């Protein structure tokens, strides 16, 4: 050859794959079907439909993480997903009955609830 490396052999293909994969995961959508705050805790529903995905599927990973009630930001960070992609996928899983969005802090929230939210937010930010 003339010293020209094919794009698939170079690091450029990896960069392209990283850009294309989120687009494929969300079917090109950039907005979640529901409103999702970054700090909103997500919980897996105990009696939701039985998932039909392999354990390695990102949706299955999100549902497993939901057992710990992480925030949207924490899920994105733990799975190394762009925040927008995580929001779209979480929104889909909520609409399909796998996950539930828990209330965030309101005016009537206790000091412990506020501290817990701050702790979750800090953990999510550190994970990013």
N, C-alpha and C. Protein backbone atom coordinates (compact mmCIF):
# COMPACT_ATOMS: atom_id res chain seq x y z
N UNK A 1 0.83 -1.19 0.00
CA UNK A 1 0.00 0.00 0.00
C UNK A 1 0.86 1.24 0.00
N UNK A 2 0.22 2.36 -0.12
CA UNK A 2 0.93 3.64 -0.20
C UNK A 2 1.08 4.32 1.15
N UNK A 3 0.98 3.57 2.22
CA UNK A 3 1.12 4.15 3.55
C UNK A 3 -0.19 4.71 4.09
N UNK A 4 -1.23 4.70 3.31
CA UNK A 4 -2.55 5.19 3.74
C UNK A 4 -3.25 4.12 4.54
N UNK A 5 -3.64 4.43 5.74
CA UNK A 5 -4.34 3.46 6.58
C UNK A 5 -5.83 3.61 6.38
N UNK A 6 -6.48 2.49 6.27
CA UNK A 6 -7.93 2.48 6.16
C UNK A 6 -8.53 3.07 7.43
N UNK A 7 -9.63 3.80 7.30
CA UNK A 7 -10.27 4.43 8.44
C UNK A 7 -10.69 3.39 9.48
N UNK A 8 -10.98 2.18 9.07
CA UNK A 8 -11.41 1.13 10.00
C UNK A 8 -10.23 0.57 10.80
N UNK A 9 -9.02 0.77 10.31
CA UNK A 9 -7.84 0.30 11.02
C UNK A 9 -7.32 1.35 11.99
N UNK A 10 -7.68 2.58 11.78
CA UNK A 10 -7.15 3.67 12.62
C UNK A 10 -8.06 3.90 13.82
N UNK A 11 -7.63 4.79 14.67
CA UNK A 11 -8.44 5.17 15.82
C UNK A 11 -9.69 5.93 15.43
N UNK A 12 -9.74 6.44 14.20
CA UNK A 12 -10.90 7.20 13.75
C UNK A 12 -12.16 6.35 13.75
N UNK A 13 -12.01 5.07 13.46
CA UNK A 13 -13.21 4.21 13.45
C UNK A 13 -13.79 4.09 14.84
N UNK A 14 -12.93 4.03 15.85
CA UNK A 14 -13.43 3.95 17.22
C UNK A 14 -14.18 5.23 17.59
N UNK A 15 -13.62 6.38 17.18
CA UNK A 15 -14.29 7.65 17.45
C UNK A 15 -15.65 7.70 16.78
N UNK A 16 -15.72 7.24 15.54
CA UNK A 16 -17.00 7.23 14.83
C UNK A 16 -17.98 6.29 15.50
N UNK A 17 -17.51 5.13 15.93
CA UNK A 17 -18.39 4.17 16.60
C UNK A 17 -18.96 4.77 17.88
N UNK A 18 -18.14 5.53 18.59
CA UNK A 18 -18.62 6.16 19.83
C UNK A 18 -19.69 7.22 19.55
N UNK A 19 -19.61 7.86 18.39
CA UNK A 19 -20.62 8.85 18.03
C UNK A 19 -21.89 8.20 17.51
N UNK A 20 -21.74 7.11 16.80
CA UNK A 20 -22.90 6.46 16.18
C UNK A 20 -23.68 5.64 17.20
N UNK A 21 -23.02 4.98 18.12
CA UNK A 21 -23.70 4.10 19.06
C UNK A 21 -24.84 4.78 19.83
N UNK A 22 -24.63 5.96 20.42
CA UNK A 22 -25.75 6.59 21.12
C UNK A 22 -26.94 6.85 20.20
N UNK A 23 -26.67 7.23 18.96
CA UNK A 23 -27.73 7.48 17.99
C UNK A 23 -28.53 6.20 17.76
N UNK A 24 -27.85 5.08 17.67
CA UNK A 24 -28.52 3.80 17.46
C UNK A 24 -29.32 3.41 18.70
N UNK A 25 -28.76 3.61 19.88
CA UNK A 25 -29.44 3.23 21.12
C UNK A 25 -30.78 3.94 21.29
N UNK A 26 -30.86 5.16 20.81
CA UNK A 26 -32.07 5.96 21.00
C UNK A 26 -32.91 6.07 19.73
N UNK A 27 -32.55 5.32 18.71
CA UNK A 27 -33.23 5.39 17.41
C UNK A 27 -33.24 6.82 16.88
N UNK A 28 -32.20 7.56 17.16
CA UNK A 28 -32.06 8.92 16.68
C UNK A 28 -32.77 9.97 17.50
N UNK A 29 -33.47 9.57 18.55
CA UNK A 29 -34.19 10.54 19.38
C UNK A 29 -33.23 11.24 20.34
N UNK A 30 -33.50 12.50 20.57
CA UNK A 30 -32.66 13.27 21.49
C UNK A 30 -33.42 13.77 22.71
N UNK A 31 -34.72 13.60 22.72
CA UNK A 31 -35.55 14.05 23.84
C UNK A 31 -36.26 12.86 24.48
N UNK A 32 -36.28 12.83 25.80
CA UNK A 32 -37.02 11.79 26.52
C UNK A 32 -38.51 12.05 26.38
N UNK A 33 -39.29 11.00 26.45
CA UNK A 33 -40.75 11.12 26.33
C UNK A 33 -41.39 11.69 27.59
N UNK A 34 -40.64 11.70 28.68
CA UNK A 34 -41.12 12.26 29.94
C UNK A 34 -40.08 13.23 30.46
N UNK A 35 -40.49 14.09 31.37
CA UNK A 35 -39.57 15.05 31.99
C UNK A 35 -38.71 14.32 33.03
N UNK A 36 -37.40 14.43 32.90
CA UNK A 36 -36.49 13.75 33.83
C UNK A 36 -35.44 14.74 34.32
N UNK A 37 -35.50 15.08 35.58
CA UNK A 37 -34.48 15.94 36.19
C UNK A 37 -33.21 15.12 36.41
N UNK A 38 -32.07 15.75 36.33
CA UNK A 38 -30.79 15.05 36.53
C UNK A 38 -30.71 14.35 37.87
N UNK A 39 -31.30 14.98 38.89
CA UNK A 39 -31.21 14.45 40.25
C UNK A 39 -32.35 13.49 40.59
N UNK A 40 -33.26 13.26 39.66
CA UNK A 40 -34.43 12.41 39.93
C UNK A 40 -34.00 10.97 40.19
N UNK A 41 -34.37 10.43 41.34
CA UNK A 41 -34.06 9.02 41.62
C UNK A 41 -34.94 8.11 40.75
N UNK A 42 -34.33 7.06 40.27
CA UNK A 42 -35.01 6.08 39.41
C UNK A 42 -35.05 4.77 40.16
N UNK A 43 -36.20 4.12 40.15
CA UNK A 43 -36.34 2.85 40.87
C UNK A 43 -36.94 1.79 39.95
N UNK A 44 -36.37 0.60 40.03
CA UNK A 44 -36.90 -0.54 39.27
C UNK A 44 -38.19 -1.01 39.92
N UNK A 45 -39.20 -1.21 39.11
CA UNK A 45 -40.47 -1.72 39.62
C UNK A 45 -40.37 -3.23 39.83
N UNK A 46 -40.78 -3.69 40.99
CA UNK A 46 -40.67 -5.11 41.33
C UNK A 46 -41.52 -5.99 40.44
N UNK A 47 -42.67 -5.49 40.05
CA UNK A 47 -43.59 -6.32 39.29
C UNK A 47 -43.75 -5.84 37.86
N UNK A 48 -42.70 -5.25 37.33
CA UNK A 48 -42.74 -4.79 35.94
C UNK A 48 -42.68 -5.98 34.99
N UNK A 49 -42.82 -5.72 33.71
CA UNK A 49 -42.76 -6.80 32.73
C UNK A 49 -41.38 -7.47 32.75
N UNK A 50 -41.34 -8.75 32.40
CA UNK A 50 -40.06 -9.47 32.36
C UNK A 50 -39.25 -8.97 31.16
N UNK A 51 -38.04 -8.45 31.42
CA UNK A 51 -37.21 -7.97 30.30
C UNK A 51 -36.85 -9.11 29.35
N UNK A 52 -36.74 -8.76 28.08
CA UNK A 52 -36.39 -9.76 27.07
C UNK A 52 -35.01 -9.49 26.47
N UNK A 53 -34.20 -8.74 27.16
CA UNK A 53 -32.89 -8.38 26.62
C UNK A 53 -31.80 -9.23 27.25
N UNK A 54 -30.68 -9.37 26.54
CA UNK A 54 -29.51 -10.03 27.17
C UNK A 54 -29.00 -9.17 28.32
N UNK A 55 -28.31 -9.78 29.27
CA UNK A 55 -27.79 -9.05 30.44
C UNK A 55 -26.85 -7.93 30.03
N UNK A 56 -26.21 -8.06 28.87
CA UNK A 56 -25.25 -7.05 28.43
C UNK A 56 -25.93 -5.85 27.77
N UNK A 57 -27.23 -5.94 27.50
CA UNK A 57 -27.96 -4.84 26.88
C UNK A 57 -28.00 -3.66 27.84
N UNK A 58 -27.82 -2.46 27.31
CA UNK A 58 -27.78 -1.27 28.16
C UNK A 58 -29.10 -1.08 28.92
N UNK A 59 -30.22 -1.46 28.33
CA UNK A 59 -31.51 -1.34 29.04
C UNK A 59 -31.55 -2.27 30.24
N UNK A 60 -31.02 -3.47 30.09
CA UNK A 60 -30.97 -4.41 31.21
C UNK A 60 -30.07 -3.86 32.32
N UNK A 61 -28.98 -3.23 31.93
CA UNK A 61 -28.07 -2.65 32.92
C UNK A 61 -28.76 -1.51 33.69
N UNK A 62 -29.53 -0.69 32.98
CA UNK A 62 -30.25 0.41 33.63
C UNK A 62 -31.27 -0.15 34.62
N UNK A 63 -32.00 -1.18 34.21
CA UNK A 63 -33.01 -1.78 35.10
C UNK A 63 -32.33 -2.37 36.34
N UNK A 64 -31.17 -3.01 36.17
CA UNK A 64 -30.46 -3.57 37.34
C UNK A 64 -29.98 -2.45 38.26
N UNK A 65 -29.49 -1.36 37.70
CA UNK A 65 -29.04 -0.24 38.53
C UNK A 65 -30.20 0.39 39.30
N UNK A 66 -31.40 0.34 38.73
CA UNK A 66 -32.56 0.95 39.36
C UNK A 66 -32.92 0.36 40.70
N UNK A 67 -32.41 -0.81 41.02
CA UNK A 67 -32.66 -1.44 42.32
C UNK A 67 -32.06 -0.58 43.44
N UNK A 68 -30.98 0.14 43.14
CA UNK A 68 -30.29 0.98 44.12
C UNK A 68 -30.86 2.40 44.18
N UNK A 69 -31.86 2.72 43.37
CA UNK A 69 -32.47 4.06 43.27
C UNK A 69 -31.45 5.16 42.97
N UNK A 70 -30.64 4.98 41.92
CA UNK A 70 -29.70 6.05 41.57
C UNK A 70 -30.41 7.18 40.84
N UNK A 71 -29.75 8.30 40.73
CA UNK A 71 -30.31 9.42 39.97
C UNK A 71 -30.05 9.19 38.48
N UNK A 72 -30.70 9.98 37.66
CA UNK A 72 -30.49 9.91 36.21
C UNK A 72 -29.01 10.16 35.90
N UNK A 73 -28.42 11.15 36.56
CA UNK A 73 -27.01 11.48 36.34
C UNK A 73 -26.09 10.33 36.75
N UNK A 74 -26.41 9.66 37.85
CA UNK A 74 -25.60 8.52 38.30
C UNK A 74 -25.65 7.38 37.29
N UNK A 75 -26.81 7.10 36.75
CA UNK A 75 -26.94 6.03 35.76
C UNK A 75 -26.09 6.36 34.54
N UNK A 76 -26.19 7.59 34.06
CA UNK A 76 -25.39 8.00 32.90
C UNK A 76 -23.89 7.83 33.18
N UNK A 77 -23.46 8.25 34.36
CA UNK A 77 -22.04 8.17 34.71
C UNK A 77 -21.58 6.73 34.87
N UNK A 78 -22.35 5.90 35.56
CA UNK A 78 -21.95 4.51 35.79
C UNK A 78 -21.86 3.72 34.50
N UNK A 79 -22.71 4.04 33.53
CA UNK A 79 -22.72 3.30 32.27
C UNK A 79 -21.96 4.01 31.16
N UNK A 80 -21.32 5.12 31.50
CA UNK A 80 -20.56 5.92 30.52
C UNK A 80 -21.42 6.28 29.31
N UNK A 81 -22.63 6.72 29.59
CA UNK A 81 -23.55 7.15 28.54
C UNK A 81 -23.65 8.66 28.54
N UNK A 82 -23.79 9.26 27.36
CA UNK A 82 -24.10 10.69 27.35
C UNK A 82 -25.42 10.91 28.10
N UNK A 83 -25.53 12.00 28.80
CA UNK A 83 -26.70 12.27 29.63
C UNK A 83 -28.00 12.25 28.82
N UNK A 84 -27.97 12.82 27.63
CA UNK A 84 -29.16 12.82 26.78
C UNK A 84 -29.61 11.41 26.41
N UNK A 85 -28.66 10.55 26.13
CA UNK A 85 -28.98 9.16 25.78
C UNK A 85 -29.58 8.46 26.99
N UNK A 86 -28.99 8.67 28.16
CA UNK A 86 -29.52 8.06 29.38
C UNK A 86 -30.95 8.52 29.63
N UNK A 87 -31.21 9.79 29.44
CA UNK A 87 -32.57 10.32 29.64
C UNK A 87 -33.56 9.66 28.70
N UNK A 88 -33.21 9.52 27.43
CA UNK A 88 -34.12 8.90 26.46
C UNK A 88 -34.39 7.45 26.84
N UNK A 89 -33.34 6.70 27.16
CA UNK A 89 -33.51 5.28 27.51
C UNK A 89 -34.30 5.11 28.80
N UNK A 90 -33.99 5.92 29.80
CA UNK A 90 -34.73 5.83 31.07
C UNK A 90 -36.19 6.20 30.84
N UNK A 91 -36.43 7.24 30.07
CA UNK A 91 -37.81 7.63 29.75
C UNK A 91 -38.57 6.49 29.08
N UNK A 92 -37.92 5.81 28.14
CA UNK A 92 -38.55 4.66 27.47
C UNK A 92 -38.88 3.57 28.48
N UNK A 93 -37.94 3.28 29.38
CA UNK A 93 -38.14 2.21 30.36
C UNK A 93 -39.24 2.56 31.36
N UNK A 94 -39.39 3.84 31.67
CA UNK A 94 -40.48 4.27 32.54
C UNK A 94 -41.81 4.06 31.81
N UNK A 95 -41.87 4.48 30.55
CA UNK A 95 -43.10 4.36 29.77
C UNK A 95 -43.48 2.88 29.55
N UNK A 96 -42.49 1.99 29.52
CA UNK A 96 -42.74 0.56 29.30
C UNK A 96 -43.06 -0.18 30.61
N UNK A 97 -42.96 0.50 31.75
CA UNK A 97 -43.32 -0.11 33.02
C UNK A 97 -42.20 -0.82 33.75
N UNK A 98 -40.95 -0.60 33.35
CA UNK A 98 -39.81 -1.23 34.03
C UNK A 98 -39.29 -0.38 35.19
N UNK A 99 -39.38 0.94 35.05
CA UNK A 99 -38.82 1.87 36.04
C UNK A 99 -39.88 2.87 36.49
N UNK A 100 -39.59 3.48 37.63
CA UNK A 100 -40.44 4.55 38.15
C UNK A 100 -39.54 5.71 38.54
N UNK A 101 -39.99 6.92 38.23
CA UNK A 101 -39.26 8.12 38.64
C UNK A 101 -39.81 8.52 39.99
N UNK A 102 -38.92 8.62 40.97
CA UNK A 102 -39.34 9.02 42.30
C UNK A 102 -39.32 10.53 42.40
N UNK A 103 -40.12 11.05 43.32
CA UNK A 103 -40.19 12.50 43.51
C UNK A 103 -38.84 13.03 43.97
N UNK A 104 -38.55 14.23 43.50
CA UNK A 104 -37.37 14.93 44.00
C UNK A 104 -37.79 15.76 45.21
N UNK A 105 -36.89 16.50 45.72
CA UNK A 105 -37.12 17.27 46.95
C UNK A 105 -38.15 18.38 46.71
N UNK A 106 -39.09 18.46 47.62
CA UNK A 106 -40.11 19.51 47.58
C UNK A 106 -40.02 20.37 48.83
N UNK A 107 -40.94 21.27 48.96
CA UNK A 107 -40.95 22.17 50.13
C UNK A 107 -41.18 21.45 51.44
N UNK A 108 -41.87 20.32 51.40
CA UNK A 108 -42.18 19.60 52.64
C UNK A 108 -41.16 18.51 52.96
N UNK A 109 -40.08 18.46 52.22
CA UNK A 109 -39.07 17.41 52.43
C UNK A 109 -38.30 17.63 53.72
N UNK A 110 -37.90 16.52 54.32
CA UNK A 110 -37.15 16.60 55.58
C UNK A 110 -35.68 16.92 55.31
N UNK A 111 -34.97 17.25 56.36
CA UNK A 111 -33.54 17.54 56.26
C UNK A 111 -32.80 16.31 55.78
N UNK A 112 -33.18 15.13 56.26
CA UNK A 112 -32.52 13.89 55.81
C UNK A 112 -32.71 13.66 54.33
N UNK A 113 -33.92 13.92 53.82
CA UNK A 113 -34.18 13.76 52.39
C UNK A 113 -33.33 14.73 51.57
N UNK A 114 -33.18 15.94 52.07
CA UNK A 114 -32.36 16.93 51.37
C UNK A 114 -30.89 16.51 51.37
N UNK A 115 -30.41 16.00 52.50
CA UNK A 115 -29.02 15.53 52.58
C UNK A 115 -28.79 14.35 51.64
N UNK A 116 -29.77 13.45 51.59
CA UNK A 116 -29.65 12.28 50.70
C UNK A 116 -29.57 12.73 49.24
N UNK A 117 -30.39 13.69 48.86
CA UNK A 117 -30.36 14.22 47.49
C UNK A 117 -29.01 14.85 47.19
N UNK A 118 -28.51 15.65 48.11
CA UNK A 118 -27.20 16.29 47.91
C UNK A 118 -26.13 15.22 47.76
N UNK A 119 -26.18 14.18 48.59
CA UNK A 119 -25.20 13.09 48.51
C UNK A 119 -25.27 12.37 47.17
N UNK A 120 -26.49 12.07 46.70
CA UNK A 120 -26.65 11.40 45.40
C UNK A 120 -26.13 12.27 44.27
N UNK A 121 -26.42 13.55 44.36
CA UNK A 121 -25.96 14.48 43.32
C UNK A 121 -24.44 14.56 43.30
N UNK A 122 -23.83 14.64 44.47
CA UNK A 122 -22.36 14.70 44.54
C UNK A 122 -21.74 13.40 44.02
N UNK A 123 -22.31 12.25 44.38
CA UNK A 123 -21.80 10.97 43.87
C UNK A 123 -21.89 10.93 42.35
N UNK A 124 -23.00 11.39 41.80
CA UNK A 124 -23.16 11.43 40.35
C UNK A 124 -22.16 12.34 39.68
N UNK A 125 -21.94 13.51 40.27
CA UNK A 125 -20.96 14.44 39.70
C UNK A 125 -19.55 13.89 39.77
N UNK A 126 -19.21 13.24 40.88
CA UNK A 126 -17.86 12.66 41.01
C UNK A 126 -17.66 11.53 39.99
N UNK A 127 -18.72 10.78 39.74
CA UNK A 127 -18.63 9.67 38.79
C UNK A 127 -18.43 10.15 37.36
N UNK A 128 -18.89 11.37 37.07
CA UNK A 128 -18.72 11.92 35.72
C UNK A 128 -17.27 12.25 35.50
